[in-house]
């Protein structure tokens, strides 16, 4: 396996990781911002208040986007195994 192939596989793997993690990170960011605005408005400075809504939002996003995330990961893995003979020479 040459250097270009390894770099291409690493780039595709990182792109898949970004695609799969983006919905959870985005929703967590939005919920965190909303909780921060709520805390600033009400002047409640409880540090643990931000964790529970974020955890629930991430679980909800996994529930909503889980099938899509699994399909993306399965397609990447199948593509990797299908083209294995091209990678090993």
PDB file of N, CA and C in Angstrom:
ATOM      1  N   UNK A   1       0.859  -1.162   0.000  1.00  0.00           N
ATOM      2  CA  UNK A   1       0.000   0.000   0.000  1.00  0.00           C
ATOM      3  C   UNK A   1       0.913   1.235   0.000  1.00  0.00           C
ATOM      4  N   UNK A   2       0.682   2.112  -0.939  1.00  0.00           N
ATOM      5  CA  UNK A   2       1.534   3.294  -1.030  1.00  0.00           C
ATOM      6  C   UNK A   2       1.011   4.424  -0.152  1.00  0.00           C
ATOM      7  N   UNK A   3       1.791   5.469  -0.094  1.00  0.00           N
ATOM      8  CA  UNK A   3       1.495   6.582   0.790  1.00  0.00           C
ATOM      9  C   UNK A   3       0.206   7.319   0.401  1.00  0.00           C
ATOM     10  N   UNK A   4      -0.047   7.465  -0.880  1.00  0.00           N
ATOM     11  CA  UNK A   4      -1.254   8.153  -1.338  1.00  0.00           C
ATOM     12  C   UNK A   4      -2.524   7.423  -0.941  1.00  0.00           C
ATOM     13  N   UNK A   5      -2.481   6.097  -1.009  1.00  0.00           N
ATOM     14  CA  UNK A   5      -3.653   5.298  -0.636  1.00  0.00           C
ATOM     15  C   UNK A   5      -3.952   5.437   0.851  1.00  0.00           C
ATOM     16  N   UNK A   6      -2.917   5.410   1.663  1.00  0.00           N
ATOM     17  CA  UNK A   6      -3.104   5.547   3.112  1.00  0.00           C
ATOM     18  C   UNK A   6      -3.690   6.914   3.446  1.00  0.00           C
ATOM     19  N   UNK A   7      -3.184   7.953   2.801  1.00  0.00           N
ATOM     20  CA  UNK A   7      -3.693   9.303   3.056  1.00  0.00           C
ATOM     21  C   UNK A   7      -5.142   9.420   2.603  1.00  0.00           C
ATOM     22  N   UNK A   8      -5.471   8.824   1.463  1.00  0.00           N
ATOM     23  CA  UNK A   8      -6.856   8.863   0.968  1.00  0.00           C
ATOM     24  C   UNK A   8      -7.807   8.135   1.911  1.00  0.00           C
ATOM     25  N   UNK A   9      -7.399   6.969   2.409  1.00  0.00           N
ATOM     26  CA  UNK A   9      -8.233   6.229   3.363  1.00  0.00           C
ATOM     27  C   UNK A   9      -8.409   7.011   4.661  1.00  0.00           C
ATOM     28  N   UNK A  10      -7.340   7.644   5.126  1.00  0.00           N
ATOM     29  CA  UNK A  10      -7.437   8.422   6.355  1.00  0.00           C
ATOM     30  C   UNK A  10      -8.356   9.627   6.168  1.00  0.00           C
ATOM     31  N   UNK A  11      -8.285  10.267   5.007  1.00  0.00           N
ATOM     32  CA  UNK A  11      -9.160  11.408   4.734  1.00  0.00           C
ATOM     33  C   UNK A  11     -10.619  10.987   4.702  1.00  0.00           C
ATOM     34  N   UNK A  12     -10.893   9.866   4.035  1.00  0.00           N
ATOM     35  CA  UNK A  12     -12.287   9.393   3.991  1.00  0.00           C
ATOM     36  C   UNK A  12     -12.779   8.989   5.366  1.00  0.00           C
ATOM     37  N   UNK A  13     -11.917   8.356   6.170  1.00  0.00           N
ATOM     38  CA  UNK A  13     -12.312   7.952   7.524  1.00  0.00           C
ATOM     39  C   UNK A  13     -12.620   9.181   8.387  1.00  0.00           C
ATOM     40  N   UNK A  14     -11.779  10.209   8.299  1.00  0.00           N
ATOM     41  CA  UNK A  14     -12.037  11.424   9.066  1.00  0.00           C
ATOM     42  C   UNK A  14     -13.303  12.134   8.610  1.00  0.00           C
ATOM     43  N   UNK A  15     -13.567  12.111   7.316  1.00  0.00           N
ATOM     44  CA  UNK A  15     -14.792  12.719   6.803  1.00  0.00           C
ATOM     45  C   UNK A  15     -16.026  11.983   7.316  1.00  0.00           C
ATOM     46  N   UNK A  16     -15.961  10.668   7.368  1.00  0.00           N
ATOM     47  CA  UNK A  16     -17.076   9.884   7.901  1.00  0.00           C
ATOM     48  C   UNK A  16     -17.277  10.189   9.381  1.00  0.00           C
ATOM     49  N   UNK A  17     -16.202  10.317  10.129  1.00  0.00           N
ATOM     50  CA  UNK A  17     -16.307  10.656  11.550  1.00  0.00           C
ATOM     51  C   UNK A  17     -16.967  12.024  11.732  1.00  0.00           C
ATOM     52  N   UNK A  18     -16.585  12.978  10.899  1.00  0.00           N
ATOM     53  CA  UNK A  18     -17.191  14.315  10.988  1.00  0.00           C
ATOM     54  C   UNK A  18     -18.672  14.258  10.643  1.00  0.00           C
ATOM     55  N   UNK A  19     -19.027  13.523   9.581  1.00  0.00           N
ATOM     56  CA  UNK A  19     -20.438  13.402   9.202  1.00  0.00           C
ATOM     57  C   UNK A  19     -21.263  12.762  10.309  1.00  0.00           C
ATOM     58  N   UNK A  20     -20.723  11.722  10.920  1.00  0.00           N
ATOM     59  CA  UNK A  20     -21.491  10.980  11.920  1.00  0.00           C
ATOM     60  C   UNK A  20     -21.620  11.772  13.219  1.00  0.00           C
ATOM     61  N   UNK A  21     -20.590  12.511  13.591  1.00  0.00           N
ATOM     62  CA  UNK A  21     -20.640  13.225  14.871  1.00  0.00           C
ATOM     63  C   UNK A  21     -21.285  14.603  14.773  1.00  0.00           C
ATOM     64  N   UNK A  22     -21.432  15.140  13.580  1.00  0.00           N
ATOM     65  CA  UNK A  22     -21.950  16.504  13.418  1.00  0.00           C
ATOM     66  C   UNK A  22     -23.358  16.715  13.995  1.00  0.00           C
ATOM     67  N   UNK A  23     -24.316  15.817  13.773  1.00  0.00           N
ATOM     68  CA  UNK A  23     -25.655  16.079  14.349  1.00  0.00           C
ATOM     69  C   UNK A  23     -25.648  16.149  15.869  1.00  0.00           C
ATOM     70  N   UNK A  24     -24.910  15.243  16.511  1.00  0.00           N
ATOM     71  CA  UNK A  24     -24.879  15.250  17.971  1.00  0.00           C
ATOM     72  C   UNK A  24     -24.179  16.492  18.501  1.00  0.00           C
ATOM     73  N   UNK A  25     -23.066  16.858  17.890  1.00  0.00           N
ATOM     74  CA  UNK A  25     -22.336  18.038  18.347  1.00  0.00           C
ATOM     75  C   UNK A  25     -23.117  19.323  18.098  1.00  0.00           C
ATOM     76  N   UNK A  26     -23.784  19.405  16.954  1.00  0.00           N
ATOM     77  CA  UNK A  26     -24.564  20.595  16.635  1.00  0.00           C
ATOM     78  C   UNK A  26     -25.726  20.800  17.589  1.00  0.00           C
ATOM     79  N   UNK A  27     -26.469  19.743  17.856  1.00  0.00           N
ATOM     80  CA  UNK A  27     -27.606  19.853  18.774  1.00  0.00           C
ATOM     81  C   UNK A  27     -27.121  20.142  20.185  1.00  0.00           C
ATOM     82  N   UNK A  28     -26.023  19.527  20.591  1.00  0.00           N
ATOM     83  CA  UNK A  28     -25.464  19.794  21.913  1.00  0.00           C
ATOM     84  C   UNK A  28     -25.009  21.248  22.032  1.00  0.00           C
ATOM     85  N   UNK A  29     -24.441  21.785  20.959  1.00  0.00           N
ATOM     86  CA  UNK A  29     -24.020  23.181  20.958  1.00  0.00           C
ATOM     87  C   UNK A  29     -25.218  24.120  21.095  1.00  0.00           C
ATOM     88  N   UNK A  30     -26.282  23.846  20.364  1.00  0.00           N
ATOM     89  CA  UNK A  30     -27.477  24.699  20.425  1.00  0.00           C
ATOM     90  C   UNK A  30     -28.119  24.639  21.809  1.00  0.00           C
ATOM     91  N   UNK A  31     -28.224  23.439  22.370  1.00  0.00           N
ATOM     92  CA  UNK A  31     -28.824  23.305  23.702  1.00  0.00           C
ATOM     93  C   UNK A  31     -27.937  23.974  24.752  1.00  0.00           C
ATOM     94  N   UNK A  32     -26.626  23.818  24.633  1.00  0.00           N
ATOM     95  CA  UNK A  32     -25.716  24.476  25.568  1.00  0.00           C
ATOM     96  C   UNK A  32     -25.820  25.981  25.513  1.00  0.00           C
ATOM     97  N   UNK A  33     -25.958  26.512  24.308  1.00  0.00           N
ATOM     98  CA  UNK A  33     -26.125  27.958  24.163  1.00  0.00           C
ATOM     99  C   UNK A  33     -27.441  28.421  24.780  1.00  0.00           C
ATOM    100  N   UNK A  34     -28.501  27.667  24.560  1.00  0.00           N
ATOM    101  CA  UNK A  34     -29.796  28.030  25.141  1.00  0.00           C
ATOM    102  C   UNK A  34     -29.752  27.989  26.672  1.00  0.00           C
ATOM    103  N   UNK A  35     -29.104  26.981  27.227  1.00  0.00           N
ATOM    104  CA  UNK A  35     -28.994  26.884  28.689  1.00  0.00           C
ATOM    105  C   UNK A  35     -28.133  28.017  29.229  1.00  0.00           C
ATOM    106  N   UNK A  36     -27.073  28.361  28.514  1.00  0.00           N
ATOM    107  CA  UNK A  36     -26.208  29.465  28.959  1.00  0.00           C
ATOM    108  C   UNK A  36     -26.961  30.796  28.950  1.00  0.00           C
ATOM    109  N   UNK A  37     -27.760  31.010  27.912  1.00  0.00           N
ATOM    110  CA  UNK A  37     -28.564  32.236  27.860  1.00  0.00           C
ATOM    111  C   UNK A  37     -29.580  32.250  29.003  1.00  0.00           C
ATOM    112  N   UNK A  38     -30.194  31.106  29.268  1.00  0.00           N
ATOM    113  CA  UNK A  38     -31.141  31.003  30.381  1.00  0.00           C
ATOM    114  C   UNK A  38     -30.455  31.289  31.710  1.00  0.00           C
ATOM    115  N   UNK A  39     -29.249  30.727  31.895  1.00  0.00           N
ATOM    116  CA  UNK A  39     -28.526  30.963  33.143  1.00  0.00           C
ATOM    117  C   UNK A  39     -28.114  32.425  33.283  1.00  0.00           C
ATOM    118  N   UNK A  40     -27.705  33.041  32.195  1.00  0.00           N
ATOM    119  CA  UNK A  40     -27.310  34.448  32.265  1.00  0.00           C
ATOM    120  C   UNK A  40     -28.511  35.347  32.531  1.00  0.00           C
ATOM    121  N   UNK A  41     -29.650  34.983  31.970  1.00  0.00           N
ATOM    122  CA  UNK A  41     -30.858  35.794  32.149  1.00  0.00           C
ATOM    123  C   UNK A  41     -31.373  35.709  33.579  1.00  0.00           C
ATOM    124  N   UNK A  42     -31.381  34.514  34.126  1.00  0.00           N
ATOM    125  CA  UNK A  42     -31.928  34.320  35.470  1.00  0.00           C
ATOM    126  C   UNK A  42     -30.870  34.428  36.551  1.00  0.00           C
ATOM    127  N   UNK A  43     -29.623  34.578  36.186  1.00  0.00           N
ATOM    128  CA  UNK A  43     -28.486  34.664  37.098  1.00  0.00           C
ATOM    129  C   UNK A  43     -28.353  33.436  37.989  1.00  0.00           C
ATOM    130  N   UNK A  44     -28.743  32.288  37.451  1.00  0.00           N
ATOM    131  CA  UNK A  44     -28.522  31.014  38.137  1.00  0.00           C
ATOM    132  C   UNK A  44     -27.157  30.511  37.685  1.00  0.00           C
ATOM    133  N   UNK A  45     -26.228  30.345  38.618  1.00  0.00           N
ATOM    134  CA  UNK A  45     -24.873  29.946  38.249  1.00  0.00           C
ATOM    135  C   UNK A  45     -24.561  28.505  38.668  1.00  0.00           C
ATOM    136  N   UNK A  46     -25.515  27.638  38.519  1.00  0.00           N
ATOM    137  CA  UNK A  46     -25.319  26.233  38.848  1.00  0.00           C
ATOM    138  C   UNK A  46     -24.621  25.536  37.676  1.00  0.00           C
ATOM    139  N   UNK A  47     -23.451  24.948  37.920  1.00  0.00           N
ATOM    140  CA  UNK A  47     -22.663  24.332  36.859  1.00  0.00           C
ATOM    141  C   UNK A  47     -23.292  23.045  36.333  1.00  0.00           C
ATOM    142  N   UNK A  48     -23.981  22.314  37.185  1.00  0.00           N
ATOM    143  CA  UNK A  48     -24.550  21.033  36.760  1.00  0.00           C
ATOM    144  C   UNK A  48     -25.834  21.205  35.961  1.00  0.00           C
ATOM    145  N   UNK A  49     -26.391  22.399  35.926  1.00  0.00           N
ATOM    146  CA  UNK A  49     -27.640  22.637  35.197  1.00  0.00           C
ATOM    147  C   UNK A  49     -27.484  22.414  33.704  1.00  0.00           C
ATOM    148  N   UNK A  50     -26.302  22.634  33.167  1.00  0.00           N
ATOM    149  CA  UNK A  50     -26.088  22.508  31.719  1.00  0.00           C
ATOM    150  C   UNK A  50     -25.959  21.060  31.273  1.00  0.00           C
ATOM    151  N   UNK A  51     -25.596  20.152  32.153  1.00  0.00           N
ATOM    152  CA  UNK A  51     -25.292  18.784  31.736  1.00  0.00           C
ATOM    153  C   UNK A  51     -26.532  17.970  31.380  1.00  0.00           C
ATOM    154  N   UNK A  52     -27.555  18.033  32.176  1.00  0.00           N
ATOM    155  CA  UNK A  52     -28.744  17.194  31.951  1.00  0.00           C
ATOM    156  C   UNK A  52     -29.429  17.521  30.621  1.00  0.00           C
ATOM    157  N   UNK A  53     -29.681  18.794  30.287  1.00  0.00           N
ATOM    158  CA  UNK A  53     -30.295  19.067  28.973  1.00  0.00           C
ATOM    159  C   UNK A  53     -29.405  18.633  27.804  1.00  0.00           C
ATOM    160  N   UNK A  54     -28.090  18.788  27.949  1.00  0.00           N
ATOM    161  CA  UNK A  54     -27.184  18.362  26.878  1.00  0.00           C
ATOM    162  C   UNK A  54     -27.218  16.853  26.701  1.00  0.00           C
ATOM    163  N   UNK A  55     -27.212  16.120  27.794  1.00  0.00           N
ATOM    164  CA  UNK A  55     -27.264  14.657  27.710  1.00  0.00           C
ATOM    165  C   UNK A  55     -28.560  14.210  27.064  1.00  0.00           C
ATOM    166  N   UNK A  56     -29.666  14.817  27.468  1.00  0.00           N
ATOM    167  CA  UNK A  56     -30.957  14.457  26.867  1.00  0.00           C
ATOM    168  C   UNK A  56     -31.004  14.824  25.382  1.00  0.00           C
ATOM    169  N   UNK A  57     -30.415  15.952  25.029  1.00  0.00           N
ATOM    170  CA  UNK A  57     -30.398  16.365  23.623  1.00  0.00           C
ATOM    171  C   UNK A  57     -29.547  15.418  22.785  1.00  0.00           C
ATOM    172  N   UNK A  58     -28.408  14.987  23.308  1.00  0.00           N
ATOM    173  CA  UNK A  58     -27.563  14.042  22.576  1.00  0.00           C
ATOM    174  C   UNK A  58     -28.268  12.704  22.425  1.00  0.00           C
ATOM    175  N   UNK A  59     -28.936  12.228  23.460  1.00  0.00           N
ATOM    176  CA  UNK A  59     -29.692  10.974  23.352  1.00  0.00           C
ATOM    177  C   UNK A  59     -30.823  11.103  22.332  1.00  0.00           C
ATOM    178  N   UNK A  60     -31.491  12.256  22.321  1.00  0.00           N
ATOM    179  CA  UNK A  60     -32.556  12.473  21.335  1.00  0.00           C
ATOM    180  C   UNK A  60     -31.985  12.522  19.921  1.00  0.00           C
ATOM    181  N   UNK A  61     -30.821  13.133  19.754  1.00  0.00           N
ATOM    182  CA  UNK A  61     -30.221  13.193  18.418  1.00  0.00           C
ATOM    183  C   UNK A  61     -29.746  11.822  17.964  1.00  0.00           C
ATOM    184  N   UNK A  62     -29.267  10.997  18.884  1.00  0.00           N
ATOM    185  CA  UNK A  62     -28.901   9.626  18.518  1.00  0.00           C
ATOM    186  C   UNK A  62     -30.139   8.856  18.094  1.00  0.00           C
ATOM    187  N   UNK A  63     -31.246   9.096  18.777  1.00  0.00           N
ATOM    188  CA  UNK A  63     -32.500   8.433  18.409  1.00  0.00           C
ATOM    189  C   UNK A  63     -32.977   8.892  17.036  1.00  0.00           C
ATOM    190  N   UNK A  64     -32.869  10.186  16.769  1.00  0.00           N
ATOM    191  CA  UNK A  64     -33.357  10.716  15.493  1.00  0.00           C
ATOM    192  C   UNK A  64     -32.426  10.364  14.331  1.00  0.00           C
ATOM    193  N   UNK A  65     -31.121  10.503  14.531  1.00  0.00           N
ATOM    194  CA  UNK A  65     -30.165  10.318  13.447  1.00  0.00           C
ATOM    195  C   UNK A  65     -29.444   8.976  13.485  1.00  0.00           C
ATOM    196  N   UNK A  66     -29.822   8.098  14.396  1.00  0.00           N
ATOM    197  CA  UNK A  66     -29.110   6.834  14.565  1.00  0.00           C
ATOM    198  C   UNK A  66     -29.122   5.949  13.333  1.00  0.00           C
ATOM    199  N   UNK A  67     -30.252   5.851  12.674  1.00  0.00           N
ATOM    200  CA  UNK A  67     -30.337   5.003  11.479  1.00  0.00           C
ATOM    201  C   UNK A  67     -29.457   5.551  10.362  1.00  0.00           C
ATOM    202  N   UNK A  68     -29.463   6.866  10.195  1.00  0.00           N
ATOM    203  CA  UNK A  68     -28.613   7.476   9.165  1.00  0.00           C
ATOM    204  C   UNK A  68     -27.135   7.299   9.497  1.00  0.00           C
ATOM    205  N   UNK A  69     -26.779   7.494  10.769  1.00  0.00           N
ATOM    206  CA  UNK A  69     -25.383   7.342  11.176  1.00  0.00           C
ATOM    207  C   UNK A  69     -24.911   5.908  10.965  1.00  0.00           C
ATOM    208  N   UNK A  70     -25.749   4.952  11.308  1.00  0.00           N
ATOM    209  CA  UNK A  70     -25.393   3.551  11.107  1.00  0.00           C
ATOM    210  C   UNK A  70     -25.249   3.228   9.628  1.00  0.00           C
ATOM    211  N   UNK A  71     -26.118   3.775   8.787  1.00  0.00           N
ATOM    212  CA  UNK A  71     -26.023   3.528   7.347  1.00  0.00           C
ATOM    213  C   UNK A  71     -24.720   4.090   6.769  1.00  0.00           C
ATOM    214  N   UNK A  72     -24.323   5.289   7.216  1.00  0.00           N
ATOM    215  CA  UNK A  72     -23.074   5.890   6.739  1.00  0.00           C
ATOM    216  C   UNK A  72     -21.882   5.028   7.150  1.00  0.00           C
ATOM    217  N   UNK A  73     -21.879   4.560   8.386  1.00  0.00           N
ATOM    218  CA  UNK A  73     -20.778   3.723   8.856  1.00  0.00           C
ATOM    219  C   UNK A  73     -20.742   2.377   8.141  1.00  0.00           C
ATOM    220  N   UNK A  74     -21.904   1.791   7.896  1.00  0.00           N
ATOM    221  CA  UNK A  74     -21.958   0.504   7.197  1.00  0.00           C
ATOM    222  C   UNK A  74     -21.495   0.662   5.756  1.00  0.00           C
ATOM    223  N   UNK A  75     -21.907   1.736   5.079  1.00  0.00           N
ATOM    224  CA  UNK A  75     -21.467   1.953   3.699  1.00  0.00           C
ATOM    225  C   UNK A  75     -19.957   2.148   3.625  1.00  0.00           C
ATOM    226  N   UNK A  76     -19.387   2.877   4.564  1.00  0.00           N
ATOM    227  CA  UNK A  76     -17.941   3.077   4.579  1.00  0.00           C
ATOM    228  C   UNK A  76     -17.217   1.743   4.801  1.00  0.00           C
ATOM    229  N   UNK A  77     -17.707   0.966   5.754  1.00  0.00           N
ATOM    230  CA  UNK A  77     -17.070  -0.316   6.050  1.00  0.00           C
ATOM    231  C   UNK A  77     -17.209  -1.283   4.886  1.00  0.00           C
ATOM    232  N   UNK A  78     -18.387  -1.340   4.275  1.00  0.00           N
ATOM    233  CA  UNK A  78     -18.563  -2.217   3.114  1.00  0.00           C
ATOM    234  C   UNK A  78     -17.670  -1.788   1.958  1.00  0.00           C
ATOM    235  N   UNK A  79     -17.541  -0.501   1.729  1.00  0.00           N
ATOM    236  CA  UNK A  79     -16.657  -0.002   0.683  1.00  0.00           C
ATOM    237  C   UNK A  79     -15.207  -0.372   0.987  1.00  0.00           C
ATOM    238  N   UNK A  80     -14.834  -0.298   2.233  1.00  0.00           N
ATOM    239  CA  UNK A  80     -13.478  -0.658   2.631  1.00  0.00           C
ATOM    240  C   UNK A  80     -13.209  -2.140   2.402  1.00  0.00           C
ATOM    241  N   UNK A  81     -14.148  -2.994   2.804  1.00  0.00           N
ATOM    242  CA  UNK A  81     -13.962  -4.438   2.617  1.00  0.00           C
ATOM    243  C   UNK A  81     -14.074  -4.846   1.152  1.00  0.00           C
ATOM    244  N   UNK A  82     -14.925  -4.181   0.394  1.00  0.00           N
ATOM    245  CA  UNK A  82     -15.079  -4.515  -1.028  1.00  0.00           C
ATOM    246  C   UNK A  82     -13.802  -4.203  -1.804  1.00  0.00           C
ATOM    247  N   UNK A  83     -13.173  -3.101  -1.473  1.00  0.00           N
ATOM    248  CA  UNK A  83     -11.965  -2.691  -2.187  1.00  0.00           C
ATOM    249  C   UNK A  83     -10.681  -3.121  -1.486  1.00  0.00           C
ATOM    250  N   UNK A  84     -10.764  -4.097  -0.602  1.00  0.00           N
ATOM    251  CA  UNK A  84      -9.594  -4.543   0.142  1.00  0.00           C
ATOM    252  C   UNK A  84      -8.495  -5.067  -0.781  1.00  0.00           C
ATOM    253  N   UNK A  85      -8.889  -5.736  -1.855  1.00  0.00           N
ATOM    254  CA  UNK A  85      -7.883  -6.287  -2.766  1.00  0.00           C
ATOM    255  C   UNK A  85      -7.097  -5.176  -3.480  1.00  0.00           C
ATOM    256  N   UNK A  86      -7.677  -3.996  -3.628  1.00  0.00           N
ATOM    257  CA  UNK A  86      -6.957  -2.884  -4.224  1.00  0.00           C
ATOM    258  C   UNK A  86      -5.941  -2.277  -3.251  1.00  0.00           C
ATOM    259  N   UNK A  87      -6.231  -2.368  -1.962  1.00  0.00           N
ATOM    260  CA  UNK A  87      -5.370  -1.763  -0.963  1.00  0.00           C
ATOM    261  C   UNK A  87      -4.165  -2.647  -0.634  1.00  0.00           C
ATOM    262  N   UNK A  88      -4.361  -3.945  -0.688  1.00  0.00           N
ATOM    263  CA  UNK A  88      -3.290  -4.885  -0.340  1.00  0.00           C
ATOM    264  C   UNK A  88      -2.667  -5.396  -1.626  1.00  0.00           C
ATOM    265  N   UNK A  89      -1.443  -5.025  -1.857  1.00  0.00           N
ATOM    266  CA  UNK A  89      -0.730  -5.504  -3.046  1.00  0.00           C
ATOM    267  C   UNK A  89       0.633  -5.979  -2.668  1.00  0.00           C
TER     268      UNK A  89
END
